[in-house]
Amino acid sequence: MTRKEEAVAIFADHFHCSQAVLAAYADKCGITKEQALKLGGCLGSGMRKGEVCGACTGALMVLGLLFGQSDKEDLTSRRRSDEVNDRMMDLFAQKSGSYLCREIIGYDISTEEAKKYAREHHLYANCHEMVGNAVDALEEILQKNN
């Protein structure tokens, strides 16, 4: 199973988009799948407010774990993580039309009533595609940076 297939399967198993993307890369990031699911648990649906898409955020967490700065003196890794962050946001927006959840689904989900409406009217129907788009963008960045 490819990472994309795994991420889509995790999402289909009723996890958030953010959890699905991060969990599909847990082994590569040196964390357990359980840790990945927990880390991504509060970031789905654009942090539950329609902000940056959780699938994109899950990919950004992968990039942070792989390229992020952990030493205050290491400005090279800081620049590199900034570069992969910007590239991820740009690629995801190109593939998805936006990196903002509310723009992708076409509805402001910042209230509980709005979230209920979005569920009832299947506004999250293309989110599995966003999970795939995030993995595609992530793979492109990883291939370029390995």
Protein backbone atom coordinates (compact mmCIF):
# COMPACT_ATOMS: atom_id res chain seq x y z
CA MET A 1 0.00 0.00 0.00
CA THR A 2 1.33 3.43 -0.91
CA ARG A 3 1.44 6.23 1.64
CA LYS A 4 -1.34 7.96 -0.28
CA GLU A 5 -3.51 4.86 -0.14
CA GLU A 6 -2.74 4.47 3.55
CA ALA A 7 -3.61 8.10 4.31
CA VAL A 8 -6.90 7.87 2.41
CA ALA A 9 -7.71 4.59 4.19
CA ILE A 10 -7.02 6.12 7.61
CA PHE A 11 -9.25 9.06 6.71
CA ALA A 12 -11.97 6.67 5.51
CA ASP A 13 -11.72 4.95 8.90
CA HIS A 14 -13.17 8.14 10.48
CA PHE A 15 -10.00 9.94 11.49
CA HIS A 16 -9.40 13.61 10.73
CA CYS A 17 -7.56 14.54 7.56
CA SER A 18 -4.63 15.85 9.62
CA GLN A 19 -4.36 12.55 11.47
CA ALA A 20 -4.50 10.55 8.26
CA VAL A 21 -1.61 12.32 6.56
CA LEU A 22 0.66 12.38 9.60
CA ALA A 23 -0.09 8.76 10.54
CA ALA A 24 0.76 7.56 7.03
CA TYR A 25 4.28 8.95 7.58
CA ALA A 26 4.71 8.08 11.26
CA ASP A 27 7.44 5.52 10.63
CA LYS A 28 9.39 7.93 8.43
CA CYS A 29 9.10 10.61 11.14
CA GLY A 30 10.29 8.35 13.96
CA ILE A 31 7.01 8.33 15.85
CA THR A 32 4.37 5.70 16.38
CA LYS A 33 1.10 5.69 14.50
CA GLU A 34 -0.68 6.22 17.84
CA GLN A 35 1.44 9.32 18.52
CA ALA A 36 0.71 10.62 15.03
CA LEU A 37 -3.02 10.13 15.48
CA LYS A 38 -2.91 11.98 18.79
CA LEU A 39 -0.75 14.83 17.43
CA GLY A 40 -3.08 15.37 14.50
CA GLY A 41 -6.24 15.04 16.56
CA CYS A 42 -6.96 18.74 17.05
CA LEU A 43 -6.15 19.93 13.55
CA GLY A 44 -8.88 18.49 11.33
CA SER A 45 -11.36 20.74 9.52
CA GLY A 46 -8.88 23.57 9.59
CA MET A 47 -8.39 23.39 13.34
CA ARG A 48 -12.16 22.91 13.56
CA LYS A 49 -12.63 26.51 12.39
CA GLY A 50 -12.18 26.26 8.61
CA GLU A 51 -8.64 27.61 8.66
CA VAL A 52 -5.66 25.80 7.03
CA CYS A 53 -6.89 22.44 5.76
CA GLY A 54 -6.02 19.63 8.15
CA ALA A 55 -4.58 17.49 5.36
CA CYS A 56 -2.14 20.28 4.57
CA THR A 57 -1.41 20.72 8.28
CA GLY A 58 -0.72 17.01 8.63
CA ALA A 59 1.80 17.27 5.79
CA LEU A 60 3.39 20.32 7.44
CA MET A 61 3.83 18.29 10.65
CA VAL A 62 5.63 15.62 8.63
CA LEU A 63 7.90 18.23 7.12
CA GLY A 64 8.55 19.76 10.52
CA LEU A 65 9.54 16.42 11.97
CA LEU A 66 11.84 15.71 9.02
CA PHE A 67 13.34 19.15 8.38
CA GLY A 68 12.47 21.33 11.36
CA GLN A 69 14.91 23.28 13.47
CA SER A 70 15.71 21.75 16.87
CA ASP A 71 18.95 23.59 17.66
CA LYS A 72 18.73 27.36 18.10
CA GLU A 73 22.10 27.75 16.37
CA ASP A 74 21.06 25.74 13.31
CA LEU A 75 19.79 28.45 11.01
CA THR A 76 20.28 26.21 7.97
CA SER A 77 17.53 23.85 9.12
CA ARG A 78 15.35 26.84 9.96
CA ARG A 79 15.68 28.17 6.41
CA ARG A 80 15.10 24.72 4.99
CA SER A 81 11.95 24.19 7.06
CA ASP A 82 10.69 27.62 6.02
CA GLU A 83 11.31 26.70 2.38
CA VAL A 84 9.52 23.33 2.55
CA ASN A 85 6.64 24.97 4.46
CA ASP A 86 6.16 27.60 1.77
CA ARG A 87 6.47 24.99 -0.98
CA MET A 88 3.88 22.75 0.71
CA MET A 89 1.39 25.58 1.07
CA ASP A 90 1.87 26.61 -2.56
CA LEU A 91 1.67 23.09 -3.99
CA PHE A 92 -1.36 22.19 -1.92
CA ALA A 93 -3.17 25.36 -3.00
CA GLN A 94 -2.33 24.64 -6.64
CA LYS A 95 -3.73 21.12 -6.36
CA SER A 96 -6.75 22.00 -4.21
CA GLY A 97 -7.69 25.54 -5.19
CA SER A 98 -6.80 26.87 -1.74
CA TYR A 99 -5.17 25.77 1.49
CA LEU A 100 -8.07 27.13 3.56
CA CYS A 101 -10.66 24.55 4.54
CA ARG A 102 -13.58 27.00 4.34
CA GLU A 103 -12.62 27.92 0.78
CA ILE A 104 -12.15 24.30 -0.26
CA ILE A 105 -15.55 23.22 1.03
CA GLY A 106 -17.18 26.54 0.19
CA TYR A 107 -18.64 27.14 3.62
CA ASP A 108 -17.66 28.80 6.89
CA ILE A 109 -17.57 26.06 9.53
CA SER A 110 -16.46 28.18 12.46
CA THR A 111 -19.55 27.47 14.59
CA GLU A 112 -21.08 24.24 15.86
CA GLU A 113 -24.24 24.89 13.86
CA ALA A 114 -22.19 25.37 10.72
CA LYS A 115 -20.25 22.14 11.32
CA LYS A 116 -23.54 20.28 11.71
CA TYR A 117 -24.86 21.81 8.50
CA ALA A 118 -21.66 20.88 6.66
CA ARG A 119 -21.93 17.25 7.81
CA GLU A 120 -25.64 17.00 6.99
CA HIS A 121 -25.10 18.47 3.52
CA HIS A 122 -21.97 16.41 2.77
CA LEU A 123 -19.72 19.42 2.32
CA TYR A 124 -16.75 17.30 3.41
CA ALA A 125 -17.31 14.92 0.47
CA ASN A 126 -14.08 15.87 -1.30
CA CYS A 127 -11.87 15.77 1.80
CA HIS A 128 -10.47 12.36 0.84
CA GLU A 129 -9.21 14.09 -2.31
CA MET A 130 -7.53 16.77 -0.15
CA VAL A 131 -5.78 14.01 1.81
CA GLY A 132 -4.48 12.65 -1.49
CA ASN A 133 -3.46 16.12 -2.67
CA ALA A 134 -1.52 16.68 0.55
CA VAL A 135 0.34 13.40 0.12
CA ASP A 136 1.08 14.16 -3.53
CA ALA A 137 2.52 17.57 -2.62
CA LEU A 138 4.44 16.08 0.28
CA GLU A 139 5.93 13.36 -1.92
CA GLU A 140 7.04 15.95 -4.46
CA ILE A 141 8.82 17.91 -1.73
CA LEU A 142 10.39 14.81 -0.18
CA GLN A 143 11.73 13.64 -3.55
CA LYS A 144 13.29 17.03 -4.17
CA ASN A 145 14.84 17.21 -0.69
CA ASN A 146 16.28 13.70 -0.40
